[in-house]
N, C-alpha and C. Protein backbone atom coordinates (compact mmCIF):
# COMPACT_ATOMS: atom_id res chain seq x y z
N MET A 1 7.83 25.50 -2.36
CA MET A 1 6.45 25.05 -2.66
C MET A 1 6.54 23.76 -3.47
N LYS A 2 7.50 23.64 -4.35
CA LYS A 2 7.66 22.46 -5.16
C LYS A 2 7.97 21.18 -4.22
N ASN A 3 8.82 21.44 -3.26
CA ASN A 3 9.10 20.35 -2.35
C ASN A 3 7.93 19.87 -1.58
N LEU A 4 7.07 20.82 -1.16
CA LEU A 4 5.87 20.45 -0.36
C LEU A 4 4.88 19.62 -1.19
N LEU A 5 4.78 20.03 -2.46
CA LEU A 5 3.89 19.29 -3.37
C LEU A 5 4.46 17.86 -3.70
N ASP A 6 5.86 17.86 -3.91
CA ASP A 6 6.43 16.59 -4.17
C ASP A 6 6.34 15.65 -2.98
N ASN A 7 6.56 16.12 -1.78
CA ASN A 7 6.33 15.29 -0.54
C ASN A 7 4.91 14.74 -0.39
N ASN A 8 3.93 15.63 -0.66
CA ASN A 8 2.56 15.20 -0.51
C ASN A 8 2.22 14.15 -1.60
N LEU A 9 2.58 14.44 -2.80
CA LEU A 9 2.38 13.40 -3.82
C LEU A 9 3.06 12.11 -3.68
N GLN A 10 4.33 12.13 -3.10
CA GLN A 10 5.05 11.03 -2.88
C GLN A 10 4.44 10.13 -1.74
N ASN A 11 3.96 10.72 -0.75
CA ASN A 11 3.23 10.02 0.26
C ASN A 11 2.01 9.38 -0.21
N HIS A 12 1.20 10.11 -1.10
CA HIS A 12 -0.07 9.59 -1.64
C HIS A 12 0.37 8.41 -2.65
N MET A 13 1.46 8.56 -3.34
CA MET A 13 1.88 7.54 -4.25
C MET A 13 2.21 6.22 -3.48
N ARG A 14 2.87 6.34 -2.37
CA ARG A 14 3.19 5.22 -1.52
C ARG A 14 1.84 4.58 -1.06
N ALA A 15 0.93 5.35 -0.59
CA ALA A 15 -0.31 4.76 -0.15
C ALA A 15 -1.08 4.03 -1.27
N LEU A 16 -1.09 4.68 -2.53
CA LEU A 16 -1.71 4.06 -3.66
C LEU A 16 -0.99 2.70 -3.99
N ASN A 17 0.28 2.69 -3.90
CA ASN A 17 1.04 1.44 -4.19
C ASN A 17 0.63 0.35 -3.20
N VAL A 18 0.52 0.74 -1.93
CA VAL A 18 0.15 -0.34 -0.91
C VAL A 18 -1.27 -0.75 -1.09
N GLN A 19 -2.22 0.19 -1.37
CA GLN A 19 -3.57 -0.16 -1.60
C GLN A 19 -3.68 -1.04 -2.84
N ALA A 20 -2.97 -0.73 -3.90
CA ALA A 20 -3.04 -1.54 -5.13
C ALA A 20 -2.54 -3.01 -4.89
N TYR A 21 -1.37 -3.05 -4.11
CA TYR A 21 -0.81 -4.38 -3.70
C TYR A 21 -1.82 -5.16 -2.87
N ARG A 22 -2.44 -4.50 -1.92
CA ARG A 22 -3.48 -5.11 -1.10
C ARG A 22 -4.63 -5.62 -1.85
N GLN A 23 -5.04 -4.83 -2.84
CA GLN A 23 -6.21 -5.13 -3.71
C GLN A 23 -5.82 -6.52 -4.52
N GLN A 24 -4.54 -6.59 -4.93
CA GLN A 24 -4.15 -7.84 -5.63
C GLN A 24 -4.16 -8.99 -4.65
N LEU A 25 -3.61 -8.89 -3.37
CA LEU A 25 -3.71 -9.94 -2.44
C LEU A 25 -5.18 -10.38 -2.18
N LEU A 26 -6.02 -9.45 -1.97
CA LEU A 26 -7.47 -9.75 -1.73
C LEU A 26 -8.07 -10.44 -2.87
N ALA A 27 -7.76 -9.99 -4.11
CA ALA A 27 -8.32 -10.62 -5.29
C ALA A 27 -7.76 -12.09 -5.39
N SER A 28 -6.52 -12.23 -5.11
CA SER A 28 -5.90 -13.66 -5.04
C SER A 28 -6.63 -14.50 -4.03
N ASN A 29 -6.84 -13.99 -2.91
CA ASN A 29 -7.57 -14.73 -1.86
C ASN A 29 -8.94 -15.22 -2.34
N ILE A 30 -9.70 -14.25 -2.95
CA ILE A 30 -11.07 -14.60 -3.49
C ILE A 30 -10.93 -15.64 -4.60
N ALA A 31 -9.92 -15.47 -5.47
CA ALA A 31 -9.79 -16.42 -6.59
C ALA A 31 -9.42 -17.82 -6.08
N ASN A 32 -8.77 -17.89 -4.96
CA ASN A 32 -8.29 -19.16 -4.43
C ASN A 32 -9.17 -19.70 -3.30
N ALA A 33 -10.44 -19.27 -3.26
CA ALA A 33 -11.36 -19.57 -2.14
C ALA A 33 -11.62 -21.17 -2.15
N ASP A 34 -11.50 -21.70 -3.28
CA ASP A 34 -11.81 -23.22 -3.32
C ASP A 34 -10.49 -24.03 -3.47
N THR A 35 -9.33 -23.50 -3.38
CA THR A 35 -8.04 -24.19 -3.47
C THR A 35 -7.73 -24.80 -2.11
N PRO A 36 -7.62 -26.12 -2.07
CA PRO A 36 -7.27 -26.74 -0.83
C PRO A 36 -5.86 -26.30 -0.22
N HIS A 37 -5.87 -26.05 1.08
CA HIS A 37 -4.68 -25.66 1.78
C HIS A 37 -4.16 -24.27 1.42
N TYR A 38 -4.98 -23.49 0.81
CA TYR A 38 -4.53 -22.06 0.47
C TYR A 38 -4.75 -21.18 1.72
N LYS A 39 -3.73 -20.40 2.05
CA LYS A 39 -3.78 -19.62 3.20
C LYS A 39 -3.94 -18.09 2.74
N ALA A 40 -5.07 -17.50 3.22
CA ALA A 40 -5.36 -16.18 2.95
C ALA A 40 -4.28 -15.21 3.51
N ARG A 41 -3.98 -14.26 2.68
CA ARG A 41 -2.94 -13.29 3.03
C ARG A 41 -3.56 -11.87 3.00
N ASP A 42 -2.83 -10.89 3.72
CA ASP A 42 -3.27 -9.50 3.78
C ASP A 42 -1.97 -8.72 4.16
N VAL A 43 -2.09 -7.33 4.01
CA VAL A 43 -0.93 -6.54 4.28
C VAL A 43 -1.12 -5.91 5.67
N ASP A 44 -0.10 -5.72 6.39
CA ASP A 44 -0.05 -5.01 7.69
C ASP A 44 0.13 -3.56 7.26
N PHE A 45 -1.04 -2.88 7.01
CA PHE A 45 -1.07 -1.50 6.58
C PHE A 45 -0.48 -0.58 7.69
N ARG A 46 -0.83 -0.83 8.91
CA ARG A 46 -0.37 -0.04 10.02
C ARG A 46 1.25 -0.12 10.13
N GLY A 47 1.67 -1.25 9.94
CA GLY A 47 3.13 -1.46 9.98
C GLY A 47 3.93 -0.74 8.90
N LEU A 48 3.31 -0.84 7.65
CA LEU A 48 3.84 -0.10 6.55
C LEU A 48 3.83 1.43 6.75
N LEU A 49 2.70 1.91 7.27
CA LEU A 49 2.53 3.33 7.49
C LEU A 49 3.40 3.85 8.49
N GLN A 50 3.61 3.08 9.61
CA GLN A 50 4.50 3.43 10.75
C GLN A 50 5.97 3.47 10.18
N GLY A 51 6.27 2.46 9.33
CA GLY A 51 7.66 2.46 8.79
C GLY A 51 7.96 3.63 7.87
N ALA A 52 6.94 4.03 7.12
CA ALA A 52 7.15 5.18 6.23
C ALA A 52 7.27 6.45 6.99
N LEU A 53 6.42 6.58 8.07
CA LEU A 53 6.53 7.73 8.96
C LEU A 53 7.87 7.88 9.71
N ASP A 54 8.35 6.74 10.15
CA ASP A 54 9.67 6.70 10.82
C ASP A 54 10.81 7.05 9.84
N LYS A 55 10.75 6.54 8.69
CA LYS A 55 11.70 6.95 7.57
C LYS A 55 11.74 8.41 7.37
N GLN A 56 10.56 8.98 7.33
CA GLN A 56 10.42 10.46 7.07
C GLN A 56 11.04 11.26 8.13
N ARG A 57 10.87 10.77 9.43
CA ARG A 57 11.38 11.57 10.55
C ARG A 57 12.91 11.40 10.67
N GLN A 58 13.47 10.22 10.31
CA GLN A 58 14.84 10.04 10.40
C GLN A 58 15.42 9.53 9.16
N PRO A 59 15.65 10.44 8.13
CA PRO A 59 16.23 10.03 6.88
C PRO A 59 17.61 9.58 7.02
N LEU A 60 17.87 8.48 6.37
CA LEU A 60 19.22 7.84 6.47
C LEU A 60 19.78 7.80 5.05
N ALA A 61 20.81 8.58 4.77
CA ALA A 61 21.33 8.56 3.37
C ALA A 61 22.72 8.02 3.47
N LEU A 62 23.09 7.24 2.46
CA LEU A 62 24.44 6.67 2.38
C LEU A 62 25.29 7.71 1.64
N ALA A 63 26.53 7.76 2.14
CA ALA A 63 27.45 8.66 1.49
C ALA A 63 27.96 8.07 0.24
N THR A 64 27.87 8.84 -0.87
CA THR A 64 28.42 8.31 -2.16
C THR A 64 29.56 9.24 -2.62
N THR A 65 30.57 8.68 -3.16
CA THR A 65 31.70 9.46 -3.58
C THR A 65 31.71 9.48 -5.18
N SER A 66 30.88 8.73 -5.82
CA SER A 66 30.81 8.76 -7.26
C SER A 66 29.38 8.78 -7.64
N ALA A 67 29.11 9.39 -8.87
CA ALA A 67 27.66 9.38 -9.37
C ALA A 67 27.31 7.88 -9.93
N ARG A 68 28.33 7.12 -10.10
CA ARG A 68 28.06 5.77 -10.59
C ARG A 68 27.73 4.77 -9.50
N HIS A 69 27.66 5.10 -8.27
CA HIS A 69 27.40 4.26 -7.14
C HIS A 69 25.99 3.74 -7.29
N ILE A 70 25.78 2.47 -6.89
CA ILE A 70 24.49 1.84 -7.02
C ILE A 70 23.57 2.28 -5.82
N GLU A 71 22.40 2.56 -6.16
CA GLU A 71 21.35 2.93 -5.13
C GLU A 71 21.22 1.72 -4.12
N PRO A 72 21.10 2.05 -2.84
CA PRO A 72 20.86 0.98 -1.85
C PRO A 72 19.57 0.24 -2.12
N VAL A 73 19.48 -0.98 -1.83
CA VAL A 73 18.31 -1.86 -1.95
C VAL A 73 17.51 -1.65 -0.63
N VAL A 74 16.24 -1.35 -0.77
CA VAL A 74 15.40 -1.14 0.40
C VAL A 74 14.85 -2.48 0.82
N ALA A 75 15.21 -2.93 2.05
CA ALA A 75 14.74 -4.18 2.54
C ALA A 75 13.25 -4.13 2.97
N ASP A 76 12.71 -2.92 3.18
CA ASP A 76 11.44 -2.79 3.78
C ASP A 76 10.40 -2.81 2.57
N SER A 77 10.19 -4.02 2.00
CA SER A 77 9.30 -4.16 0.82
C SER A 77 7.98 -4.49 1.24
N LEU A 78 7.02 -4.43 0.28
CA LEU A 78 5.63 -4.82 0.60
C LEU A 78 5.56 -6.31 0.99
N GLU A 79 6.34 -7.13 0.36
CA GLU A 79 6.20 -8.61 0.70
C GLU A 79 6.66 -8.79 2.19
N ALA A 80 7.50 -7.99 2.66
CA ALA A 80 7.93 -8.17 4.09
C ALA A 80 6.75 -7.92 5.09
N HIS A 81 5.82 -7.12 4.63
CA HIS A 81 4.67 -6.81 5.50
C HIS A 81 3.42 -7.63 5.16
N THR A 82 3.57 -8.58 4.34
CA THR A 82 2.44 -9.42 3.88
C THR A 82 2.35 -10.58 5.00
N LEU A 83 1.20 -10.64 5.59
CA LEU A 83 0.96 -11.59 6.65
C LEU A 83 -0.12 -12.57 6.27
N TYR A 84 -0.22 -13.78 6.93
CA TYR A 84 -1.31 -14.63 6.74
C TYR A 84 -2.45 -14.18 7.60
N ARG A 85 -3.68 -14.23 7.05
CA ARG A 85 -4.82 -13.74 7.79
C ARG A 85 -5.20 -14.68 8.84
N GLN A 86 -5.67 -14.17 9.95
CA GLN A 86 -6.04 -15.03 11.06
C GLN A 86 -7.33 -15.80 10.70
N GLU A 87 -7.32 -17.06 11.05
CA GLU A 87 -8.41 -17.89 10.72
C GLU A 87 -9.60 -17.80 11.69
N TYR A 88 -10.78 -17.49 11.22
CA TYR A 88 -11.96 -17.39 12.16
C TYR A 88 -12.73 -18.65 12.27
N GLN A 89 -12.80 -19.37 11.13
CA GLN A 89 -13.54 -20.68 10.99
C GLN A 89 -12.72 -21.63 10.27
N SER A 90 -12.39 -22.72 10.78
CA SER A 90 -11.53 -23.70 10.09
C SER A 90 -12.27 -24.46 9.05
N ALA A 91 -11.60 -24.73 7.87
CA ALA A 91 -12.28 -25.58 6.88
C ALA A 91 -11.70 -26.93 6.81
N VAL A 92 -12.38 -27.87 6.34
CA VAL A 92 -11.91 -29.29 6.32
C VAL A 92 -10.64 -29.40 5.40
N ASP A 93 -10.69 -28.61 4.25
CA ASP A 93 -9.63 -28.76 3.33
C ASP A 93 -8.36 -27.87 3.62
N GLY A 94 -8.41 -27.19 4.75
CA GLY A 94 -7.20 -26.39 5.20
C GLY A 94 -7.15 -24.98 4.55
N ASN A 95 -8.21 -24.58 3.79
CA ASN A 95 -8.29 -23.26 3.25
C ASN A 95 -8.76 -22.33 4.20
N THR A 96 -8.05 -21.14 4.32
CA THR A 96 -8.39 -20.10 5.39
C THR A 96 -9.13 -18.87 4.75
N VAL A 97 -9.52 -19.00 3.55
CA VAL A 97 -10.23 -17.85 2.89
C VAL A 97 -11.69 -17.93 3.35
N GLU A 98 -12.17 -16.77 3.88
CA GLU A 98 -13.54 -16.57 4.29
C GLU A 98 -14.14 -15.51 3.48
N MET A 99 -14.95 -15.89 2.52
CA MET A 99 -15.47 -14.89 1.53
C MET A 99 -16.15 -13.70 2.07
N ASP A 100 -16.83 -13.70 3.18
CA ASP A 100 -17.34 -12.48 3.76
C ASP A 100 -16.30 -11.43 4.16
N VAL A 101 -15.26 -12.04 4.85
CA VAL A 101 -14.13 -11.19 5.32
C VAL A 101 -13.45 -10.56 4.04
N GLU A 102 -13.20 -11.42 3.10
CA GLU A 102 -12.43 -10.98 1.89
C GLU A 102 -13.21 -9.89 1.05
N ARG A 103 -14.51 -10.18 0.85
CA ARG A 103 -15.41 -9.16 0.22
C ARG A 103 -15.44 -7.85 0.88
N ALA A 104 -15.52 -7.85 2.26
CA ALA A 104 -15.61 -6.68 3.05
C ALA A 104 -14.26 -5.89 2.88
N ALA A 105 -13.09 -6.68 3.00
CA ALA A 105 -11.80 -6.00 2.92
C ALA A 105 -11.59 -5.42 1.58
N PHE A 106 -12.08 -6.11 0.52
CA PHE A 106 -11.88 -5.66 -0.83
C PHE A 106 -12.74 -4.42 -1.11
N ALA A 107 -13.97 -4.37 -0.60
CA ALA A 107 -14.75 -3.16 -0.76
C ALA A 107 -14.19 -2.00 -0.01
N GLU A 108 -13.65 -2.17 1.18
CA GLU A 108 -13.12 -1.15 2.00
C GLU A 108 -11.85 -0.63 1.40
N ASN A 109 -11.03 -1.58 0.91
CA ASN A 109 -9.72 -1.14 0.16
C ASN A 109 -10.10 -0.34 -1.08
N SER A 110 -11.17 -0.73 -1.84
CA SER A 110 -11.50 0.00 -3.06
C SER A 110 -11.88 1.50 -2.70
N ILE A 111 -12.65 1.65 -1.59
CA ILE A 111 -13.09 2.98 -1.14
C ILE A 111 -11.89 3.80 -0.73
N HIS A 112 -10.95 3.21 -0.10
CA HIS A 112 -9.68 3.91 0.34
C HIS A 112 -8.97 4.39 -0.87
N TYR A 113 -8.82 3.45 -1.84
CA TYR A 113 -8.11 3.71 -3.08
C TYR A 113 -8.71 4.90 -3.81
N GLU A 114 -9.99 4.81 -4.04
CA GLU A 114 -10.82 5.93 -4.72
C GLU A 114 -10.58 7.28 -3.96
N ALA A 115 -10.66 7.24 -2.58
CA ALA A 115 -10.48 8.43 -1.90
C ALA A 115 -9.03 9.01 -2.13
N SER A 116 -8.05 8.18 -2.14
CA SER A 116 -6.63 8.60 -2.34
C SER A 116 -6.52 9.31 -3.79
N VAL A 117 -7.14 8.62 -4.76
CA VAL A 117 -7.06 9.22 -6.14
C VAL A 117 -7.82 10.54 -6.15
N THR A 118 -8.95 10.67 -5.51
CA THR A 118 -9.70 11.92 -5.48
C THR A 118 -8.94 12.97 -4.76
N PHE A 119 -8.18 12.63 -3.69
CA PHE A 119 -7.45 13.60 -2.97
C PHE A 119 -6.24 14.11 -3.85
N ILE A 120 -5.55 13.19 -4.54
CA ILE A 120 -4.56 13.60 -5.43
C ILE A 120 -5.04 14.54 -6.45
N ASN A 121 -6.15 14.14 -7.12
CA ASN A 121 -6.69 15.06 -8.14
C ASN A 121 -7.02 16.42 -7.56
N GLY A 122 -7.53 16.48 -6.32
CA GLY A 122 -7.89 17.81 -5.73
C GLY A 122 -6.55 18.58 -5.58
N LEU A 123 -5.48 17.94 -5.11
CA LEU A 123 -4.15 18.65 -4.90
C LEU A 123 -3.64 19.18 -6.25
N LEU A 124 -3.74 18.36 -7.34
CA LEU A 124 -3.29 18.81 -8.60
C LEU A 124 -4.15 19.89 -9.16
N ARG A 125 -5.48 19.81 -9.00
CA ARG A 125 -6.37 20.76 -9.44
C ARG A 125 -6.11 22.09 -8.79
N GLY A 126 -5.87 22.13 -7.40
CA GLY A 126 -5.60 23.29 -6.63
C GLY A 126 -4.33 23.93 -7.07
N MET A 127 -3.32 23.09 -7.38
CA MET A 127 -2.05 23.65 -7.87
C MET A 127 -2.14 24.26 -9.25
N GLN A 128 -2.97 23.62 -10.09
CA GLN A 128 -3.18 24.25 -11.41
C GLN A 128 -3.96 25.51 -11.33
N THR A 129 -4.95 25.61 -10.45
CA THR A 129 -5.61 26.85 -10.22
C THR A 129 -4.68 27.97 -9.72
N ALA A 130 -3.79 27.62 -8.83
CA ALA A 130 -2.87 28.56 -8.25
C ALA A 130 -1.87 29.05 -9.35
N ILE A 131 -1.44 28.24 -10.23
CA ILE A 131 -0.57 28.59 -11.21
C ILE A 131 -1.23 29.53 -12.33
N SER A 132 -2.47 29.03 -12.71
CA SER A 132 -3.14 29.80 -13.76
C SER A 132 -3.79 31.13 -13.21
N GLY A 133 -4.02 31.21 -11.92
CA GLY A 133 -4.60 32.34 -11.24
C GLY A 133 -6.03 32.49 -11.55
N GLN A 134 -6.74 31.54 -11.85
CA GLN A 134 -8.23 31.57 -12.09
C GLN A 134 -9.07 31.07 -10.96
């Protein structure tokens, strides 16, 4: 039972980390709306999710012969999935930030983040109820 809860919480933790990182990118885009030659960026959430699911299906562990071995560095970081946003309307100064798109993405990401936090709270509340028997 503990492993099931740990796996569920770890998946939600990954999703929250990606959503928090995306919120930072979107806030940076909005903050740089008037910066010449600034290129708007966003996260390829589908690519990140697919990568996480593929890792879950095929875990690859390195063999270690000593407890002092260094943990492997994961090359699949959030920055690797950060892409430049497609430009819909070109600007004279080379800036690709479109405030309507950024605001909509920011609001959508905020809703997803809140939903993830609410779901985690529900999982923990359910576990607490099961433990206490009330």
